[in-house]
C-alpha atoms as a PDB file:
ATOM      1  CA  UNK A   1      -0.113   0.006  -0.251  1.00  0.00           C
ATOM      2  CA  UNK A   2       1.452   3.396  -0.748  1.00  0.00           C
ATOM      3  CA  UNK A   3       1.971   5.546   2.001  1.00  0.00           C
ATOM      4  CA  UNK A   4       1.240   9.324   2.190  1.00  0.00           C
ATOM      5  CA  UNK A   5       4.877  10.230   2.054  1.00  0.00           C
ATOM      6  CA  UNK A   6       5.445   8.407  -1.261  1.00  0.00           C
ATOM      7  CA  UNK A   7       2.788   9.848  -2.873  1.00  0.00           C
ATOM      8  CA  UNK A   8       4.026  13.288  -1.607  1.00  0.00           C
ATOM      9  CA  UNK A   9       7.317  12.693  -3.095  1.00  0.00           C
ATOM     10  CA  UNK A  10       5.982  11.480  -6.310  1.00  0.00           C
ATOM     11  CA  UNK A  11       3.675  14.412  -6.671  1.00  0.00           C
ATOM     12  CA  UNK A  12       6.586  16.675  -6.026  1.00  0.00           C
ATOM     13  CA  UNK A  13       8.544  15.126  -8.766  1.00  0.00           C
ATOM     14  CA  UNK A  14       5.934  15.492 -11.237  1.00  0.00           C
ATOM     15  CA  UNK A  15       5.844  18.939 -10.435  1.00  0.00           C
ATOM     16  CA  UNK A  16       9.455  19.926 -10.414  1.00  0.00           C
ATOM     17  CA  UNK A  17      10.414  18.596 -13.898  1.00  0.00           C
ATOM     18  CA  UNK A  18       8.673  20.914 -15.954  1.00  0.00           C
ATOM     19  CA  UNK A  19       9.840  24.181 -14.039  1.00  0.00           C
ATOM     20  CA  UNK A  20      13.404  23.058 -14.185  1.00  0.00           C
ATOM     21  CA  UNK A  21      12.947  22.919 -17.937  1.00  0.00           C
ATOM     22  CA  UNK A  22      11.209  26.461 -18.531  1.00  0.00           C
ATOM     23  CA  UNK A  23      14.280  27.856 -16.681  1.00  0.00           C
ATOM     24  CA  UNK A  24      16.639  26.822 -18.942  1.00  0.00           C
ATOM     25  CA  UNK A  25      14.813  28.117 -21.756  1.00  0.00           C
ATOM     26  CA  UNK A  26      14.717  31.625 -20.254  1.00  0.00           C
ATOM     27  CA  UNK A  27      18.285  31.309 -19.585  1.00  0.00           C
ATOM     28  CA  UNK A  28      19.328  30.228 -23.090  1.00  0.00           C
ATOM     29  CA  UNK A  29      16.799  33.262 -24.176  1.00  0.00           C
ATOM     30  CA  UNK A  30      18.464  36.147 -22.280  1.00  0.00           C
ATOM     31  CA  UNK A  31      22.492  35.503 -23.766  1.00  0.00           C
ATOM     32  CA  UNK A  32      21.385  36.780 -27.410  1.00  0.00           C
ATOM     33  CA  UNK A  33      20.223  39.772 -25.662  1.00  0.00           C
ATOM     34  CA  UNK A  34      23.135  40.217 -23.719  1.00  0.00           C
ATOM     35  CA  UNK A  35      25.517  40.050 -26.495  1.00  0.00           C
ATOM     36  CA  UNK A  36      23.651  42.586 -28.573  1.00  0.00           C
ATOM     37  CA  UNK A  37      23.742  44.874 -26.170  1.00  0.00           C
ATOM     38  CA  UNK A  38      27.300  44.388 -25.755  1.00  0.00           C
ATOM     39  CA  UNK A  39      27.611  44.801 -29.424  1.00  0.00           C
ATOM     40  CA  UNK A  40      25.415  48.146 -29.279  1.00  0.00           C
ATOM     41  CA  UNK A  41      28.138  49.485 -26.315  1.00  0.00           C
ATOM     42  CA  UNK A  42      31.103  48.312 -28.666  1.00  0.00           C
ATOM     43  CA  UNK A  43      29.761  50.044 -31.460  1.00  0.00           C
ATOM     44  CA  UNK A  44      28.705  53.412 -29.826  1.00  0.00           C
ATOM     45  CA  UNK A  45      32.194  53.191 -28.195  1.00  0.00           C
ATOM     46  CA  UNK A  46      33.765  53.264 -31.843  1.00  0.00           C
ATOM     47  CA  UNK A  47      31.611  55.870 -33.242  1.00  0.00           C
ATOM     48  CA  UNK A  48      32.341  57.933 -30.427  1.00  0.00           C
ATOM     49  CA  UNK A  49      35.929  57.753 -30.989  1.00  0.00           C
ATOM     50  CA  UNK A  50      36.096  58.291 -34.796  1.00  0.00           C
ATOM     51  CA  UNK A  51      33.945  61.394 -34.277  1.00  0.00           C
ATOM     52  CA  UNK A  52      36.497  62.719 -31.643  1.00  0.00           C
ATOM     53  CA  UNK A  53      39.223  62.325 -34.041  1.00  0.00           C
ATOM     54  CA  UNK A  54      37.669  63.822 -36.877  1.00  0.00           C
ATOM     55  CA  UNK A  55      37.144  66.805 -34.765  1.00  0.00           C
ATOM     56  CA  UNK A  56      40.596  66.533 -33.357  1.00  0.00           C
ATOM     57  CA  UNK A  57      41.656  66.785 -36.863  1.00  0.00           C
ATOM     58  CA  UNK A  58      39.461  69.398 -38.265  1.00  0.00           C
ATOM     59  CA  UNK A  59      40.422  71.555 -35.077  1.00  0.00           C
ATOM     60  CA  UNK A  60      44.125  71.260 -36.113  1.00  0.00           C
ATOM     61  CA  UNK A  61      43.649  71.349 -39.886  1.00  0.00           C
ATOM     62  CA  UNK A  62      41.865  74.960 -38.926  1.00  0.00           C
ATOM     63  CA  UNK A  63      44.730  76.281 -36.466  1.00  0.00           C
ATOM     64  CA  UNK A  64      47.249  75.360 -39.244  1.00  0.00           C
ATOM     65  CA  UNK A  65      45.560  77.011 -42.037  1.00  0.00           C
ATOM     66  CA  UNK A  66      45.332  80.406 -39.347  1.00  0.00           C
ATOM     67  CA  UNK A  67      48.708  80.493 -38.721  1.00  0.00           C
ATOM     68  CA  UNK A  68      50.305  79.678 -41.980  1.00  0.00           C
ATOM     69  CA  UNK A  69      48.929  83.356 -43.167  1.00  0.00           C
ATOM     70  CA  UNK A  70      51.108  84.776 -40.641  1.00  0.00           C
ATOM     71  CA  UNK A  71      54.338  82.662 -41.237  1.00  0.00           C
ATOM     72  CA  UNK A  72      56.668  84.441 -43.884  1.00  0.00           C
ATOM     73  CA  UNK A  73      56.892  82.753 -47.346  1.00  0.00           C
ATOM     74  CA  UNK A  74      60.227  81.280 -48.126  1.00  0.00           C
ATOM     75  CA  UNK A  75      61.360  82.732 -51.262  1.00  0.00           C
ATOM     76  CA  UNK A  76      64.617  81.313 -53.509  1.00  0.00           C
ATOM     77  CA  UNK A  77      66.907  84.190 -54.975  1.00  0.00           C
ATOM     78  CA  UNK A  78      65.279  82.906 -58.395  1.00  0.00           C
ATOM     79  CA  UNK A  79      61.919  83.946 -56.916  1.00  0.00           C
ATOM     80  CA  UNK A  80      62.894  87.152 -55.219  1.00  0.00           C
ATOM     81  CA  UNK A  81      64.485  88.146 -58.660  1.00  0.00           C
ATOM     82  CA  UNK A  82      61.641  87.127 -60.908  1.00  0.00           C
ATOM     83  CA  UNK A  83      59.301  89.067 -58.584  1.00  0.00           C
ATOM     84  CA  UNK A  84      61.330  92.232 -58.466  1.00  0.00           C
ATOM     85  CA  UNK A  85      62.179  91.990 -62.025  1.00  0.00           C
ATOM     86  CA  UNK A  86      65.490  91.990 -61.586  1.00  0.00           C
ATOM     87  CA  UNK A  87      67.049  88.946 -63.314  1.00  0.00           C
ATOM     88  CA  UNK A  88      67.816  91.337 -66.026  1.00  0.00           C
ATOM     89  CA  UNK A  89      69.341  93.692 -64.138  1.00  0.00           C
ATOM     90  CA  UNK A  90      71.377  91.171 -62.285  1.00  0.00           C
ATOM     91  CA  UNK A  91      72.881  89.844 -65.539  1.00  0.00           C
ATOM     92  CA  UNK A  92      74.046  93.339 -66.773  1.00  0.00           C
ATOM     93  CA  UNK A  93      75.811  93.788 -63.480  1.00  0.00           C
ATOM     94  CA  UNK A  94      77.704  90.680 -63.929  1.00  0.00           C
ATOM     95  CA  UNK A  95      78.742  91.427 -67.431  1.00  0.00           C
ATOM     96  CA  UNK A  96      79.580  95.125 -66.195  1.00  0.00           C
ATOM     97  CA  UNK A  97      81.463  93.550 -63.382  1.00  0.00           C
ATOM     98  CA  UNK A  98      83.798  91.247 -65.821  1.00  0.00           C
ATOM     99  CA  UNK A  99      84.256  94.537 -67.873  1.00  0.00           C
ATOM    100  CA  UNK A 100      85.803  96.304 -64.672  1.00  0.00           C
ATOM    101  CA  UNK A 101      87.904  93.391 -64.016  1.00  0.00           C
ATOM    102  CA  UNK A 102      89.668  93.061 -67.462  1.00  0.00           C
ATOM    103  CA  UNK A 103      89.901  97.014 -67.369  1.00  0.00           C
ATOM    104  CA  UNK A 104      91.750  96.515 -64.033  1.00  0.00           C
ATOM    105  CA  UNK A 105      93.978  93.942 -65.666  1.00  0.00           C
ATOM    106  CA  UNK A 106      94.999  95.819 -68.293  1.00  0.00           C
ATOM    107  CA  UNK A 107      95.702  99.161 -66.101  1.00  0.00           C
ATOM    108  CA  UNK A 108      92.715 101.158 -66.163  1.00  0.00           C
ATOM    109  CA  UNK A 109      92.669 101.287 -62.078  1.00  0.00           C
ATOM    110  CA  UNK A 110      90.740 104.432 -61.089  1.00  0.00           C
ATOM    111  CA  UNK A 111      92.859 105.156 -58.162  1.00  0.00           C
ATOM    112  CA  UNK A 112      95.603 105.625 -61.070  1.00  0.00           C
ATOM    113  CA  UNK A 113      93.637 107.377 -63.603  1.00  0.00           C
ATOM    114  CA  UNK A 114      96.259 110.333 -63.451  1.00  0.00           C
ATOM    115  CA  UNK A 115      98.941 108.232 -64.129  1.00  0.00           C
ATOM    116  CA  UNK A 116      96.812 106.899 -67.011  1.00  0.00           C
ATOM    117  CA  UNK A 117      96.119 110.000 -68.282  1.00  0.00           C
ATOM    118  CA  UNK A 118      99.468 111.811 -67.934  1.00  0.00           C
ATOM    119  CA  UNK A 119     101.481 108.689 -69.280  1.00  0.00           C
ATOM    120  CA  UNK A 120     102.275 110.477 -72.618  1.00  0.00           C
ATOM    121  CA  UNK A 121     103.276 113.553 -71.007  1.00  0.00           C
ATOM    122  CA  UNK A 122     105.390 111.396 -68.134  1.00  0.00           C
ATOM    123  CA  UNK A 123     107.674 108.441 -68.918  1.00  0.00           C
ATOM    124  CA  UNK A 124     106.618 105.514 -67.181  1.00  0.00           C
ATOM    125  CA  UNK A 125     109.375 104.399 -64.329  1.00  0.00           C
ATOM    126  CA  UNK A 126     111.530 101.262 -64.972  1.00  0.00           C
ATOM    127  CA  UNK A 127     111.325  99.435 -62.088  1.00  0.00           C
ATOM    128  CA  UNK A 128     110.213 100.143 -58.134  1.00  0.00           C
ATOM    129  CA  UNK A 129     112.668  97.940 -55.869  1.00  0.00           C
ATOM    130  CA  UNK A 130     111.069  96.975 -52.594  1.00  0.00           C
ATOM    131  CA  UNK A 131     113.507  95.750 -49.945  1.00  0.00           C
ATOM    132  CA  UNK A 132     112.306  93.921 -47.263  1.00  0.00           C
ATOM    133  CA  UNK A 133     113.182  94.650 -43.562  1.00  0.00           C
ATOM    134  CA  UNK A 134     112.287  94.261 -40.242  1.00  0.00           C
ATOM    135  CA  UNK A 135     112.406  96.456 -36.635  1.00  0.00           C
ATOM    136  CA  UNK A 136     115.404  94.720 -35.546  1.00  0.00           C
ATOM    137  CA  UNK A 137     117.481  95.322 -39.206  1.00  0.00           C
ATOM    138  CA  UNK A 138     118.239  98.662 -38.658  1.00  0.00           C
ATOM    139  CA  UNK A 139     122.300  98.201 -38.818  1.00  0.00           C
ATOM    140  CA  UNK A 140     121.416  96.388 -42.083  1.00  0.00           C
ATOM    141  CA  UNK A 141     119.388  99.310 -43.370  1.00  0.00           C
ATOM    142  CA  UNK A 142     122.142 101.753 -42.559  1.00  0.00           C
ATOM    143  CA  UNK A 143     124.752  99.051 -44.454  1.00  0.00           C
ATOM    144  CA  UNK A 144     122.678  99.320 -47.725  1.00  0.00           C
ATOM    145  CA  UNK A 145     122.797 102.647 -47.349  1.00  0.00           C
ATOM    146  CA  UNK A 146     126.080 103.172 -47.629  1.00  0.00           C
ATOM    147  CA  UNK A 147     126.678 100.493 -50.209  1.00  0.00           C
ATOM    148  CA  UNK A 148     124.500  99.736 -53.338  1.00  0.00           C
ATOM    149  CA  UNK A 149     121.600 102.057 -52.330  1.00  0.00           C
ATOM    150  CA  UNK A 150     121.722 105.736 -52.533  1.00  0.00           C
ATOM    151  CA  UNK A 151     120.525 108.553 -50.270  1.00  0.00           C
ATOM    152  CA  UNK A 152     119.305 111.751 -49.936  1.00  0.00           C
ATOM    153  CA  UNK A 153     119.521 113.712 -52.946  1.00  0.00           C
ATOM    154  CA  UNK A 154     121.133 110.540 -54.628  1.00  0.00           C
ATOM    155  CA  UNK A 155     117.971 108.581 -54.087  1.00  0.00           C
ATOM    156  CA  UNK A 156     116.028 111.186 -55.668  1.00  0.00           C
ATOM    157  CA  UNK A 157     118.236 111.852 -58.318  1.00  0.00           C
ATOM    158  CA  UNK A 158     117.834 108.011 -59.162  1.00  0.00           C
ATOM    159  CA  UNK A 159     113.832 108.507 -59.049  1.00  0.00           C
ATOM    160  CA  UNK A 160     113.887 110.951 -61.749  1.00  0.00           C
ATOM    161  CA  UNK A 161     115.624 108.083 -64.111  1.00  0.00           C
ATOM    162  CA  UNK A 162     113.102 105.857 -63.532  1.00  0.00           C
ATOM    163  CA  UNK A 163     113.966 103.507 -60.589  1.00  0.00           C
ATOM    164  CA  UNK A 164     112.652 104.047 -57.053  1.00  0.00           C
ATOM    165  CA  UNK A 165     113.932 101.758 -54.076  1.00  0.00           C
ATOM    166  CA  UNK A 166     112.447 101.953 -50.758  1.00  0.00           C
ATOM    167  CA  UNK A 167     112.708  99.488 -47.288  1.00  0.00           C
ATOM    168  CA  UNK A 168     109.527  97.520 -46.823  1.00  0.00           C
ATOM    169  CA  UNK A 169     107.733  97.063 -43.893  1.00  0.00           C
ATOM    170  CA  UNK A 170     104.622  96.346 -42.116  1.00  0.00           C
ATOM    171  CA  UNK A 171     102.976  97.510 -38.863  1.00  0.00           C
ATOM    172  CA  UNK A 172     103.482  96.228 -35.248  1.00  0.00           C
ATOM    173  CA  UNK A 173     101.187  93.962 -33.696  1.00  0.00           C
ATOM    174  CA  UNK A 174     100.766  96.148 -31.295  1.00  0.00           C
ATOM    175  CA  UNK A 175      99.919  99.635 -33.121  1.00  0.00           C
ATOM    176  CA  UNK A 176     101.477 102.805 -32.348  1.00  0.00           C
ATOM    177  CA  UNK A 177     103.994 101.072 -30.095  1.00  0.00           C
ATOM    178  CA  UNK A 178     107.657 101.950 -29.900  1.00  0.00           C
ATOM    179  CA  UNK A 179     108.351  99.839 -32.816  1.00  0.00           C
ATOM    180  CA  UNK A 180     106.347 101.956 -35.165  1.00  0.00           C
ATOM    181  CA  UNK A 181     107.289 104.996 -33.667  1.00  0.00           C
ATOM    182  CA  UNK A 182     110.853 103.904 -34.105  1.00  0.00           C
ATOM    183  CA  UNK A 183     110.217 103.162 -38.121  1.00  0.00           C
ATOM    184  CA  UNK A 184     108.198 106.375 -38.181  1.00  0.00           C
ATOM    185  CA  UNK A 185     110.937 108.388 -36.621  1.00  0.00           C
ATOM    186  CA  UNK A 186     113.283 106.704 -39.026  1.00  0.00           C
ATOM    187  CA  UNK A 187     111.469 107.876 -42.237  1.00  0.00           C
ATOM    188  CA  UNK A 188     111.165 111.004 -41.433  1.00  0.00           C
ATOM    189  CA  UNK A 189     114.793 111.451 -41.609  1.00  0.00           C
ATOM    190  CA  UNK A 190     115.331 109.478 -44.483  1.00  0.00           C
ATOM    191  CA  UNK A 191     112.357 109.031 -46.564  1.00  0.00           C
ATOM    192  CA  UNK A 192     113.185 105.464 -48.026  1.00  0.00           C
ATOM    193  CA  UNK A 193     110.607 103.393 -46.761  1.00  0.00           C
ATOM    194  CA  UNK A 194     107.250 101.931 -47.872  1.00  0.00           C
ATOM    195  CA  UNK A 195     104.880 101.272 -45.018  1.00  0.00           C
ATOM    196  CA  UNK A 196     102.420  98.415 -45.197  1.00  0.00           C
ATOM    197  CA  UNK A 197      99.507  99.878 -43.166  1.00  0.00           C
ATOM    198  CA  UNK A 198      97.323  96.703 -43.504  1.00  0.00           C
ATOM    199  CA  UNK A 199     100.233  94.145 -42.681  1.00  0.00           C
ATOM    200  CA  UNK A 200     101.307  93.009 -39.569  1.00  0.00           C
ATOM    201  CA  UNK A 201     104.982  92.455 -39.330  1.00  0.00           C
ATOM    202  CA  UNK A 202     105.518  89.103 -37.987  1.00  0.00           C
ATOM    203  CA  UNK A 203     107.407  85.830 -39.060  1.00  0.00           C
ATOM    204  CA  UNK A 204     103.843  83.816 -39.638  1.00  0.00           C
ATOM    205  CA  UNK A 205     102.810  86.505 -41.987  1.00  0.00           C
ATOM    206  CA  UNK A 206     105.823  86.577 -44.495  1.00  0.00           C
ATOM    207  CA  UNK A 207     103.855  84.765 -46.907  1.00  0.00           C
ATOM    208  CA  UNK A 208     101.539  87.782 -47.534  1.00  0.00           C
ATOM    209  CA  UNK A 209     104.091  90.231 -47.203  1.00  0.00           C
ATOM    210  CA  UNK A 210     104.582  89.861 -50.955  1.00  0.00           C
ATOM    211  CA  UNK A 211     100.959  90.365 -51.701  1.00  0.00           C
ATOM    212  CA  UNK A 212     100.422  93.574 -49.568  1.00  0.00           C
ATOM    213  CA  UNK A 213     103.776  94.932 -51.231  1.00  0.00           C
ATOM    214  CA  UNK A 214     103.289  94.649 -54.462  1.00  0.00           C
ATOM    215  CA  UNK A 215      99.213  96.056 -53.976  1.00  0.00           C
ATOM    216  CA  UNK A 216     100.626  98.940 -52.489  1.00  0.00           C
ATOM    217  CA  UNK A 217     103.500  99.718 -55.048  1.00  0.00           C
ATOM    218  CA  UNK A 218     101.307  99.246 -58.071  1.00  0.00           C
ATOM    219  CA  UNK A 219      98.917 101.844 -56.613  1.00  0.00           C
ATOM    220  CA  UNK A 220     101.791 104.411 -55.705  1.00  0.00           C
ATOM    221  CA  UNK A 221     103.930 104.027 -58.792  1.00  0.00           C
ATOM    222  CA  UNK A 222     103.578 103.368 -62.482  1.00  0.00           C
ATOM    223  CA  UNK A 223     106.660 101.176 -63.679  1.00  0.00           C
ATOM    224  CA  UNK A 224     107.506  98.525 -65.885  1.00  0.00           C
ATOM    225  CA  UNK A 225     108.554  96.384 -63.593  1.00  0.00           C
ATOM    226  CA  UNK A 226     108.584  95.330 -59.471  1.00  0.00           C
ATOM    227  CA  UNK A 227     111.129  93.944 -57.678  1.00  0.00           C
ATOM    228  CA  UNK A 228     111.535  92.131 -54.436  1.00  0.00           C
ATOM    229  CA  UNK A 229     114.677  92.228 -52.446  1.00  0.00           C
ATOM    230  CA  UNK A 230     115.733  90.747 -49.110  1.00  0.00           C
ATOM    231  CA  UNK A 231     117.845  92.425 -46.884  1.00  0.00           C
ATOM    232  CA  UNK A 232     120.707  90.023 -46.797  1.00  0.00           C
ATOM    233  CA  UNK A 233     121.735  90.045 -50.206  1.00  0.00           C
ATOM    234  CA  UNK A 234     123.989  93.210 -52.141  1.00  0.00           C
ATOM    235  CA  UNK A 235     122.582  94.166 -55.092  1.00  0.00           C
ATOM    236  CA  UNK A 236     124.208  95.211 -58.292  1.00  0.00           C
ATOM    237  CA  UNK A 237     122.082  98.069 -59.261  1.00  0.00           C
ATOM    238  CA  UNK A 238     123.834  98.919 -62.149  1.00  0.00           C
ATOM    239  CA  UNK A 239     123.510  95.476 -63.928  1.00  0.00           C
ATOM    240  CA  UNK A 240     119.743  95.354 -62.818  1.00  0.00           C
ATOM    241  CA  UNK A 241     119.143  98.415 -64.150  1.00  0.00           C
ATOM    242  CA  UNK A 242     120.717  97.162 -67.280  1.00  0.00           C
ATOM    243  CA  UNK A 243     118.823  93.890 -67.732  1.00  0.00           C
ATOM    244  CA  UNK A 244     116.035  95.575 -67.342  1.00  0.00           C
ATOM    245  CA  UNK A 245     116.428  98.173 -69.856  1.00  0.00           C
ATOM    246  CA  UNK A 246     116.592  95.785 -72.144  1.00  0.00           C
ATOM    247  CA  UNK A 247     113.306  93.851 -71.103  1.00  0.00           C
ATOM    248  CA  UNK A 248     110.994  96.912 -71.594  1.00  0.00           C
ATOM    249  CA  UNK A 249     107.925  96.501 -73.044  1.00  0.00           C
ATOM    250  CA  UNK A 250     107.819  92.569 -72.288  1.00  0.00           C
ATOM    251  CA  UNK A 251     104.174  91.510 -70.112  1.00  0.00           C
ATOM    252  CA  UNK A 252     103.690  88.706 -68.357  1.00  0.00           C
ATOM    253  CA  UNK A 253     107.373  88.306 -67.328  1.00  0.00           C
ATOM    254  CA  UNK A 254     108.406  86.561 -63.999  1.00  0.00           C
ATOM    255  CA  UNK A 255     112.027  86.204 -63.143  1.00  0.00           C
ATOM    256  CA  UNK A 256     114.433  85.892 -60.880  1.00  0.00           C
ATOM    257  CA  UNK A 257     116.955  82.740 -59.621  1.00  0.00           C
ATOM    258  CA  UNK A 258     114.688  80.481 -61.086  1.00  0.00           C
ATOM    259  CA  UNK A 259     114.859  76.575 -59.355  1.00  0.00           C
ATOM    260  CA  UNK A 260     113.107  73.348 -57.998  1.00  0.00           C
ATOM    261  CA  UNK A 261     113.127  70.959 -55.121  1.00  0.00           C
ATOM    262  CA  UNK A 262     112.168  68.106 -53.730  1.00  0.00           C
ATOM    263  CA  UNK A 263     109.422  68.447 -51.058  1.00  0.00           C
ATOM    264  CA  UNK A 264     110.690  67.543 -47.826  1.00  0.00           C
ATOM    265  CA  UNK A 265     107.348  65.179 -46.387  1.00  0.00           C
ATOM    266  CA  UNK A 266     108.967  63.874 -43.179  1.00  0.00           C
ATOM    267  CA  UNK A 267     108.089  65.801 -40.314  1.00  0.00           C
ATOM    268  CA  UNK A 268     110.380  67.286 -38.000  1.00  0.00           C
ATOM    269  CA  UNK A 269     113.082  67.294 -40.824  1.00  0.00           C
ATOM    270  CA  UNK A 270     114.418  71.104 -41.710  1.00  0.00           C
ATOM    271  CA  UNK A 271     112.062  72.360 -44.596  1.00  0.00           C
ATOM    272  CA  UNK A 272     109.143  70.246 -43.474  1.00  0.00           C
ATOM    273  CA  UNK A 273     106.129  70.722 -46.100  1.00  0.00           C
ATOM    274  CA  UNK A 274     102.756  70.116 -44.267  1.00  0.00           C
ATOM    275  CA  UNK A 275     101.034  70.244 -47.443  1.00  0.00           C
ATOM    276  CA  UNK A 276     103.479  68.020 -49.018  1.00  0.00           C
ATOM    277  CA  UNK A 277     100.976  66.084 -50.791  1.00  0.00           C
ATOM    278  CA  UNK A 278      99.498  68.975 -52.664  1.00  0.00           C
ATOM    279  CA  UNK A 279     102.575  68.581 -55.107  1.00  0.00           C
ATOM    280  CA  UNK A 280     101.852  65.245 -56.593  1.00  0.00           C
ATOM    281  CA  UNK A 281     103.838  61.994 -56.502  1.00  0.00           C
ATOM    282  CA  UNK A 282     106.949  63.491 -57.670  1.00  0.00           C
ATOM    283  CA  UNK A 283     107.192  65.431 -54.536  1.00  0.00           C
ATOM    284  CA  UNK A 284     108.891  68.534 -56.330  1.00  0.00           C
ATOM    285  CA  UNK A 285     108.114  72.001 -55.991  1.00  0.00           C
ATOM    286  CA  UNK A 286     107.212  73.756 -59.334  1.00  0.00           C
ATOM    287  CA  UNK A 287     109.709  75.782 -60.929  1.00  0.00           C
ATOM    288  CA  UNK A 288     109.655  79.420 -58.962  1.00  0.00           C
ATOM    289  CA  UNK A 289     111.997  82.220 -58.455  1.00  0.00           C
ATOM    290  CA  UNK A 290     114.030  82.085 -55.136  1.00  0.00           C
ATOM    291  CA  UNK A 291     112.650  84.293 -52.332  1.00  0.00           C
ATOM    292  CA  UNK A 292     115.949  86.448 -52.452  1.00  0.00           C
ATOM    293  CA  UNK A 293     114.894  88.363 -55.444  1.00  0.00           C
ATOM    294  CA  UNK A 294     112.025  88.104 -58.040  1.00  0.00           C
ATOM    295  CA  UNK A 295     110.443  90.364 -60.487  1.00  0.00           C
ATOM    296  CA  UNK A 296     107.283  91.019 -61.862  1.00  0.00           C
ATOM    297  CA  UNK A 297     106.101  93.140 -64.986  1.00  0.00           C
ATOM    298  CA  UNK A 298     103.603  95.519 -64.690  1.00  0.00           C
ATOM    299  CA  UNK A 299     100.735  93.428 -65.287  1.00  0.00           C
ATOM    300  CA  UNK A 300     101.466  90.617 -63.198  1.00  0.00           C
ATOM    301  CA  UNK A 301     101.955  92.737 -59.939  1.00  0.00           C
ATOM    302  CA  UNK A 302      98.568  94.602 -61.354  1.00  0.00           C
ATOM    303  CA  UNK A 303      97.225  91.062 -61.217  1.00  0.00           C
ATOM    304  CA  UNK A 304      98.224  90.873 -57.932  1.00  0.00           C
ATOM    305  CA  UNK A 305      96.152  93.864 -56.893  1.00  0.00           C
ATOM    306  CA  UNK A 306      93.756  93.141 -58.544  1.00  0.00           C
ATOM    307  CA  UNK A 307      92.938  89.750 -56.755  1.00  0.00           C
ATOM    308  CA  UNK A 308      94.511  90.097 -53.599  1.00  0.00           C
END
């Protein structure tokens, strides 16, 4: 006989089975809703970021366009010339400069205009001789003045015959010091100096002294030849004048005791040449006049003056 308890358990099982299946159905129906909701949130997030980026780009683009109008426009030289209409004028200026350089090379220097105009009335000098000297070479200068170099009235008479001789010296590194004053005092007494105001008298500046000498000599005197002489030699003045007289009218003349020689490329040896590699594989100097004395014709001296 079925008891009450077993009957009740059977009834309970019958009611519980349908409720569990209904709960499973409800749970399975919620999953698509949750997924759809999450998809909507993701779409809204991406759309918001894209809209924000678009707004940022629009703002930056507006600022850039606004500020670009305040920036100066970078123009090339060609653009500037084209805008100003000066391209043709620039070409004419270049041509004029070339004509001027050519005229200077041929002796038509504005600073020397008086000499050019009076060339027919006044005979051109034969030579300007520059004797290199230094602040400590006063005894050498006095020896020169008592030997081959005339002094006083004799020096003036030699100039009248077409030969100018001057001691060539620069200025002290300390302008206006005792060295400069002593040279100025000596020059006031002897009147036989060519003082190079733009040149500093120093051992390391010696290579540039020739440039300053020839430039100053060309501007001061119109001569056939310009001669550079060291103060450690005795010059045969009469023989030099005779030789130069026979070469009047020669252009492009570069004279002296011509020599060459091996370039010393080993550091530490005497006469070491730091730029020895510039002289090629043979390592020999090009043929040149010895530094003790060399002579340039008028047009070569003018070339140095123009291109100094």
